[in-house]
C-alpha atoms as a PDB file:
ATOM      1  CA  UNK A   1     -32.496   6.029 -23.102  1.00  0.00           C
ATOM      2  CA  UNK A   2     -30.204   3.455 -23.346  1.00  0.00           C
ATOM      3  CA  UNK A   3     -28.050   1.551 -20.218  1.00  0.00           C
ATOM      4  CA  UNK A   4     -24.740   1.680 -21.771  1.00  0.00           C
ATOM      5  CA  UNK A   5     -25.196   5.810 -22.449  1.00  0.00           C
ATOM      6  CA  UNK A   6     -26.715   6.095 -18.948  1.00  0.00           C
ATOM      7  CA  UNK A   7     -23.221   4.486 -17.523  1.00  0.00           C
ATOM      8  CA  UNK A   8     -21.096   6.261 -19.749  1.00  0.00           C
ATOM      9  CA  UNK A   9     -22.368   9.682 -18.724  1.00  0.00           C
ATOM     10  CA  UNK A  10     -22.123   8.732 -14.904  1.00  0.00           C
ATOM     11  CA  UNK A  11     -18.348   7.899 -15.317  1.00  0.00           C
ATOM     12  CA  UNK A  12     -18.095  11.099 -17.424  1.00  0.00           C
ATOM     13  CA  UNK A  13     -19.693  12.811 -14.867  1.00  0.00           C
ATOM     14  CA  UNK A  14     -17.424  11.599 -11.867  1.00  0.00           C
ATOM     15  CA  UNK A  15     -14.283  12.001 -13.810  1.00  0.00           C
ATOM     16  CA  UNK A  16     -15.131  15.559 -13.657  1.00  0.00           C
ATOM     17  CA  UNK A  17     -15.654  15.979 -10.262  1.00  0.00           C
ATOM     18  CA  UNK A  18     -12.311  14.172  -9.762  1.00  0.00           C
ATOM     19  CA  UNK A  19     -10.076  17.652 -10.868  1.00  0.00           C
ATOM     20  CA  UNK A  20      -6.446  17.265 -11.002  1.00  0.00           C
ATOM     21  CA  UNK A  21      -4.665  19.497  -8.297  1.00  0.00           C
ATOM     22  CA  UNK A  22      -0.790  20.706  -7.623  1.00  0.00           C
ATOM     23  CA  UNK A  23       0.593  20.141  -4.123  1.00  0.00           C
ATOM     24  CA  UNK A  24      -1.477  19.748  -1.225  1.00  0.00           C
ATOM     25  CA  UNK A  25      -0.925  21.868   1.764  1.00  0.00           C
ATOM     26  CA  UNK A  26       1.029  21.605   4.533  1.00  0.00           C
ATOM     27  CA  UNK A  27      -1.649  19.979   6.923  1.00  0.00           C
ATOM     28  CA  UNK A  28      -2.283  17.503   4.275  1.00  0.00           C
ATOM     29  CA  UNK A  29      -0.116  14.843   5.935  1.00  0.00           C
ATOM     30  CA  UNK A  30      -2.790  13.832   8.716  1.00  0.00           C
ATOM     31  CA  UNK A  31      -5.184  12.843   6.249  1.00  0.00           C
ATOM     32  CA  UNK A  32      -4.595   9.939   3.850  1.00  0.00           C
ATOM     33  CA  UNK A  33      -4.312  10.663  -0.062  1.00  0.00           C
ATOM     34  CA  UNK A  34      -7.628  10.446  -2.175  1.00  0.00           C
ATOM     35  CA  UNK A  35      -5.966   7.108  -3.530  1.00  0.00           C
ATOM     36  CA  UNK A  36      -5.888   5.681  -0.018  1.00  0.00           C
ATOM     37  CA  UNK A  37      -9.745   6.326   0.570  1.00  0.00           C
ATOM     38  CA  UNK A  38     -12.227   3.179   0.584  1.00  0.00           C
ATOM     39  CA  UNK A  39     -16.099   3.170  -0.071  1.00  0.00           C
ATOM     40  CA  UNK A  40     -15.700   0.974   3.280  1.00  0.00           C
ATOM     41  CA  UNK A  41     -14.735   3.024   5.112  1.00  0.00           C
ATOM     42  CA  UNK A  42     -16.442   6.375   3.434  1.00  0.00           C
ATOM     43  CA  UNK A  43     -19.908   5.315   2.940  1.00  0.00           C
ATOM     44  CA  UNK A  44     -21.968   5.683   6.212  1.00  0.00           C
ATOM     45  CA  UNK A  45     -24.028   2.754   7.848  1.00  0.00           C
ATOM     46  CA  UNK A  46     -27.126   5.621   7.346  1.00  0.00           C
ATOM     47  CA  UNK A  47     -26.513   5.577   3.627  1.00  0.00           C
ATOM     48  CA  UNK A  48     -26.533   1.873   3.438  1.00  0.00           C
ATOM     49  CA  UNK A  49     -29.612   1.387   5.302  1.00  0.00           C
ATOM     50  CA  UNK A  50     -31.599   3.831   2.974  1.00  0.00           C
ATOM     51  CA  UNK A  51     -30.653   1.792   0.221  1.00  0.00           C
ATOM     52  CA  UNK A  52     -31.668  -1.817   1.014  1.00  0.00           C
ATOM     53  CA  UNK A  53     -31.583  -4.783  -1.395  1.00  0.00           C
ATOM     54  CA  UNK A  54     -28.374  -2.449  -3.173  1.00  0.00           C
ATOM     55  CA  UNK A  55     -24.480  -3.691  -3.491  1.00  0.00           C
ATOM     56  CA  UNK A  56     -22.056  -1.414  -3.447  1.00  0.00           C
ATOM     57  CA  UNK A  57     -18.989  -1.843  -5.689  1.00  0.00           C
ATOM     58  CA  UNK A  58     -15.946   0.708  -5.526  1.00  0.00           C
ATOM     59  CA  UNK A  59     -14.203   1.805  -8.613  1.00  0.00           C
ATOM     60  CA  UNK A  60     -11.743   4.761  -9.369  1.00  0.00           C
ATOM     61  CA  UNK A  61     -12.190   6.909 -12.388  1.00  0.00           C
ATOM     62  CA  UNK A  62      -8.097   8.259 -12.188  1.00  0.00           C
ATOM     63  CA  UNK A  63      -5.205   7.009 -10.253  1.00  0.00           C
ATOM     64  CA  UNK A  64      -5.232  10.157  -7.610  1.00  0.00           C
ATOM     65  CA  UNK A  65      -9.022   9.789  -7.135  1.00  0.00           C
ATOM     66  CA  UNK A  66     -11.249   9.185  -3.965  1.00  0.00           C
ATOM     67  CA  UNK A  67     -13.630   6.291  -4.882  1.00  0.00           C
ATOM     68  CA  UNK A  68     -16.660   6.214  -6.807  1.00  0.00           C
ATOM     69  CA  UNK A  69     -19.441   4.217  -4.788  1.00  0.00           C
ATOM     70  CA  UNK A  70     -22.055   2.424  -7.081  1.00  0.00           C
ATOM     71  CA  UNK A  71     -24.684   0.709  -5.519  1.00  0.00           C
ATOM     72  CA  UNK A  72     -26.876  -1.064  -7.891  1.00  0.00           C
ATOM     73  CA  UNK A  73     -30.003  -3.516  -7.022  1.00  0.00           C
ATOM     74  CA  UNK A  74     -30.744  -6.816  -8.670  1.00  0.00           C
ATOM     75  CA  UNK A  75     -34.923  -5.847  -8.363  1.00  0.00           C
ATOM     76  CA  UNK A  76     -34.320  -2.706  -9.659  1.00  0.00           C
ATOM     77  CA  UNK A  77     -32.086  -2.682 -12.319  1.00  0.00           C
ATOM     78  CA  UNK A  78     -33.239   0.500 -13.808  1.00  0.00           C
ATOM     79  CA  UNK A  79     -31.626   2.338 -10.514  1.00  0.00           C
ATOM     80  CA  UNK A  80     -28.264   3.221  -9.978  1.00  0.00           C
ATOM     81  CA  UNK A  81     -26.665   5.599  -7.741  1.00  0.00           C
ATOM     82  CA  UNK A  82     -23.339   6.406  -6.847  1.00  0.00           C
ATOM     83  CA  UNK A  83     -21.113   9.024  -4.876  1.00  0.00           C
ATOM     84  CA  UNK A  84     -17.740  10.208  -5.984  1.00  0.00           C
ATOM     85  CA  UNK A  85     -15.806  11.461  -3.224  1.00  0.00           C
ATOM     86  CA  UNK A  86     -12.514  14.255  -3.674  1.00  0.00           C
ATOM     87  CA  UNK A  87     -11.198  14.405  -0.244  1.00  0.00           C
ATOM     88  CA  UNK A  88      -8.338  16.269  -0.458  1.00  0.00           C
ATOM     89  CA  UNK A  89      -6.960  19.700   1.245  1.00  0.00           C
ATOM     90  CA  UNK A  90      -8.083  22.712  -1.271  1.00  0.00           C
ATOM     91  CA  UNK A  91      -5.231  25.639  -1.878  1.00  0.00           C
ATOM     92  CA  UNK A  92      -5.298  28.313   1.059  1.00  0.00           C
ATOM     93  CA  UNK A  93      -8.062  31.054   0.181  1.00  0.00           C
ATOM     94  CA  UNK A  94      -9.557  28.444  -3.006  1.00  0.00           C
ATOM     95  CA  UNK A  95     -13.022  29.639  -3.798  1.00  0.00           C
ATOM     96  CA  UNK A  96     -15.688  26.642  -3.873  1.00  0.00           C
ATOM     97  CA  UNK A  97     -18.178  28.991  -5.378  1.00  0.00           C
ATOM     98  CA  UNK A  98     -15.573  29.188  -8.556  1.00  0.00           C
ATOM     99  CA  UNK A  99     -15.610  25.071  -8.186  1.00  0.00           C
ATOM    100  CA  UNK A 100     -19.273  24.846  -8.708  1.00  0.00           C
ATOM    101  CA  UNK A 101     -19.966  27.566 -11.590  1.00  0.00           C
ATOM    102  CA  UNK A 102     -19.448  24.493 -14.590  1.00  0.00           C
ATOM    103  CA  UNK A 103     -22.436  22.840 -12.736  1.00  0.00           C
ATOM    104  CA  UNK A 104     -24.411  26.264 -12.678  1.00  0.00           C
ATOM    105  CA  UNK A 105     -23.458  26.590 -16.180  1.00  0.00           C
ATOM    106  CA  UNK A 106     -24.561  23.643 -17.192  1.00  0.00           C
ATOM    107  CA  UNK A 107     -27.998  24.047 -16.271  1.00  0.00           C
ATOM    108  CA  UNK A 108     -27.427  23.583 -12.526  1.00  0.00           C
ATOM    109  CA  UNK A 109     -29.325  25.360  -9.395  1.00  0.00           C
ATOM    110  CA  UNK A 110     -28.220  26.514  -6.469  1.00  0.00           C
ATOM    111  CA  UNK A 111     -29.057  24.511  -3.367  1.00  0.00           C
ATOM    112  CA  UNK A 112     -29.302  26.098  -0.319  1.00  0.00           C
ATOM    113  CA  UNK A 113     -28.418  24.833   3.261  1.00  0.00           C
ATOM    114  CA  UNK A 114     -26.188  21.449   1.930  1.00  0.00           C
ATOM    115  CA  UNK A 115     -22.628  21.627   2.855  1.00  0.00           C
ATOM    116  CA  UNK A 116     -20.537  25.044   2.075  1.00  0.00           C
ATOM    117  CA  UNK A 117     -22.237  25.157  -1.112  1.00  0.00           C
ATOM    118  CA  UNK A 118     -24.250  22.695  -3.488  1.00  0.00           C
ATOM    119  CA  UNK A 119     -25.942  22.428  -6.787  1.00  0.00           C
ATOM    120  CA  UNK A 120     -28.341  20.206  -8.411  1.00  0.00           C
ATOM    121  CA  UNK A 121     -28.601  19.527 -11.979  1.00  0.00           C
ATOM    122  CA  UNK A 122     -30.422  17.130 -14.698  1.00  0.00           C
ATOM    123  CA  UNK A 123     -27.576  16.315 -16.857  1.00  0.00           C
ATOM    124  CA  UNK A 124     -30.323  13.674 -18.584  1.00  0.00           C
ATOM    125  CA  UNK A 125     -33.971  13.032 -18.401  1.00  0.00           C
ATOM    126  CA  UNK A 126     -34.444  10.486 -15.750  1.00  0.00           C
ATOM    127  CA  UNK A 127     -30.670  11.489 -14.116  1.00  0.00           C
ATOM    128  CA  UNK A 128     -30.234  13.721 -10.900  1.00  0.00           C
ATOM    129  CA  UNK A 129     -26.749  14.822  -9.945  1.00  0.00           C
ATOM    130  CA  UNK A 130     -26.088  16.780  -6.701  1.00  0.00           C
ATOM    131  CA  UNK A 131     -22.640  18.424  -6.484  1.00  0.00           C
ATOM    132  CA  UNK A 132     -21.651  19.670  -2.786  1.00  0.00           C
ATOM    133  CA  UNK A 133     -18.355  20.682  -0.922  1.00  0.00           C
ATOM    134  CA  UNK A 134     -18.088  19.703   2.815  1.00  0.00           C
ATOM    135  CA  UNK A 135     -18.493  22.300   5.571  1.00  0.00           C
ATOM    136  CA  UNK A 136     -15.818  20.260   7.960  1.00  0.00           C
ATOM    137  CA  UNK A 137     -13.894  18.504   5.806  1.00  0.00           C
ATOM    138  CA  UNK A 138     -11.718  19.173   2.504  1.00  0.00           C
ATOM    139  CA  UNK A 139     -14.284  16.832   0.760  1.00  0.00           C
ATOM    140  CA  UNK A 140     -16.256  17.366  -2.395  1.00  0.00           C
ATOM    141  CA  UNK A 141     -18.412  15.028  -3.222  1.00  0.00           C
ATOM    142  CA  UNK A 142     -20.837  14.383  -6.586  1.00  0.00           C
ATOM    143  CA  UNK A 143     -24.243  12.373  -5.670  1.00  0.00           C
ATOM    144  CA  UNK A 144     -25.707  11.133  -9.348  1.00  0.00           C
ATOM    145  CA  UNK A 145     -28.904   8.814  -8.844  1.00  0.00           C
ATOM    146  CA  UNK A 146     -30.077   7.751 -12.324  1.00  0.00           C
ATOM    147  CA  UNK A 147     -33.651   6.248 -12.395  1.00  0.00           C
ATOM    148  CA  UNK A 148     -36.865   6.706 -10.312  1.00  0.00           C
ATOM    149  CA  UNK A 149     -37.211   8.391  -7.017  1.00  0.00           C
ATOM    150  CA  UNK A 150     -33.870  10.643  -8.298  1.00  0.00           C
ATOM    151  CA  UNK A 151     -34.762  13.119  -5.835  1.00  0.00           C
ATOM    152  CA  UNK A 152     -33.510  11.209  -3.081  1.00  0.00           C
ATOM    153  CA  UNK A 153     -30.217  11.909  -4.164  1.00  0.00           C
ATOM    154  CA  UNK A 154     -30.671  15.564  -2.159  1.00  0.00           C
ATOM    155  CA  UNK A 155     -30.957  13.080   0.715  1.00  0.00           C
ATOM    156  CA  UNK A 156     -28.135  10.661  -0.124  1.00  0.00           C
ATOM    157  CA  UNK A 157     -26.050  13.745  -0.314  1.00  0.00           C
ATOM    158  CA  UNK A 158     -26.910  15.304   2.950  1.00  0.00           C
ATOM    159  CA  UNK A 159     -26.690  11.994   4.850  1.00  0.00           C
ATOM    160  CA  UNK A 160     -23.145  11.783   3.369  1.00  0.00           C
ATOM    161  CA  UNK A 161     -22.246  15.151   4.146  1.00  0.00           C
ATOM    162  CA  UNK A 162     -23.247  14.657   7.793  1.00  0.00           C
ATOM    163  CA  UNK A 163     -21.447  11.234   8.218  1.00  0.00           C
ATOM    164  CA  UNK A 164     -18.188  12.577   6.579  1.00  0.00           C
ATOM    165  CA  UNK A 165     -15.536  13.804   9.230  1.00  0.00           C
ATOM    166  CA  UNK A 166     -11.599  14.077   9.532  1.00  0.00           C
ATOM    167  CA  UNK A 167     -11.468  11.325  11.911  1.00  0.00           C
ATOM    168  CA  UNK A 168     -13.815   8.665   9.113  1.00  0.00           C
ATOM    169  CA  UNK A 169     -11.265   9.882   6.674  1.00  0.00           C
ATOM    170  CA  UNK A 170      -8.334   8.801   8.448  1.00  0.00           C
ATOM    171  CA  UNK A 171     -10.172   5.590   9.589  1.00  0.00           C
ATOM    172  CA  UNK A 172     -11.081   5.226   5.676  1.00  0.00           C
ATOM    173  CA  UNK A 173      -7.534   5.552   4.381  1.00  0.00           C
ATOM    174  CA  UNK A 174      -6.543   3.100   6.905  1.00  0.00           C
ATOM    175  CA  UNK A 175      -9.443   0.604   6.432  1.00  0.00           C
ATOM    176  CA  UNK A 176      -8.501   0.909   2.397  1.00  0.00           C
ATOM    177  CA  UNK A 177      -4.660   0.119   3.456  1.00  0.00           C
ATOM    178  CA  UNK A 178      -5.038  -3.289   5.861  1.00  0.00           C
ATOM    179  CA  UNK A 179      -5.777  -6.331   4.452  1.00  0.00           C
ATOM    180  CA  UNK A 180      -8.264  -8.571   5.745  1.00  0.00           C
ATOM    181  CA  UNK A 181      -7.410 -11.432   7.722  1.00  0.00           C
ATOM    182  CA  UNK A 182      -7.729 -13.891   4.770  1.00  0.00           C
ATOM    183  CA  UNK A 183      -4.637 -11.361   3.478  1.00  0.00           C
ATOM    184  CA  UNK A 184      -7.154 -10.078   0.397  1.00  0.00           C
ATOM    185  CA  UNK A 185      -8.171  -6.482   0.243  1.00  0.00           C
ATOM    186  CA  UNK A 186     -11.262  -5.297   2.205  1.00  0.00           C
ATOM    187  CA  UNK A 187     -14.751  -6.354   0.579  1.00  0.00           C
ATOM    188  CA  UNK A 188     -16.567  -3.325  -0.359  1.00  0.00           C
ATOM    189  CA  UNK A 189     -19.791  -5.333  -0.957  1.00  0.00           C
ATOM    190  CA  UNK A 190     -23.148  -4.778   1.191  1.00  0.00           C
ATOM    191  CA  UNK A 191     -24.381  -7.812   3.191  1.00  0.00           C
END
């Protein structure tokens, strides 16, 4: 598979995870809007530690979407990992199983005991994508692993779900809004 095609597939899959919704529920004022969230505030130290040698880059797939956090390594050029966050209040009574249906129809397999509901699928050879919704927060995440050791996408999804809390969401929104001491936007790269 050519590298350009794989990157396009990852972006298309992340765009699919960020679906447009109408007005948020009344209590959404407590949490920042998805566009205010940052990878710097959302990606947990456990995830960062599990990917030594990888650097983090933040992208936006749409103006109202949460961040797409992409990890790449100079040593492992054939491996790419991304975490797409969609953190916003869901409609009252929205069925997350219904949100999972497109993934299942596209050949996905449900993953038990991972968030409220989860599925995994291999959209192209060498890629594993895990789609899940958190139990405690209004977040859906999509973890995509392209390259060797792709089964680790499940571990990254578990660590990400475990780390997401409402407090982290509020803090991540504050981190994204606050300029760094030198007046520029916060740097999302890993040390």
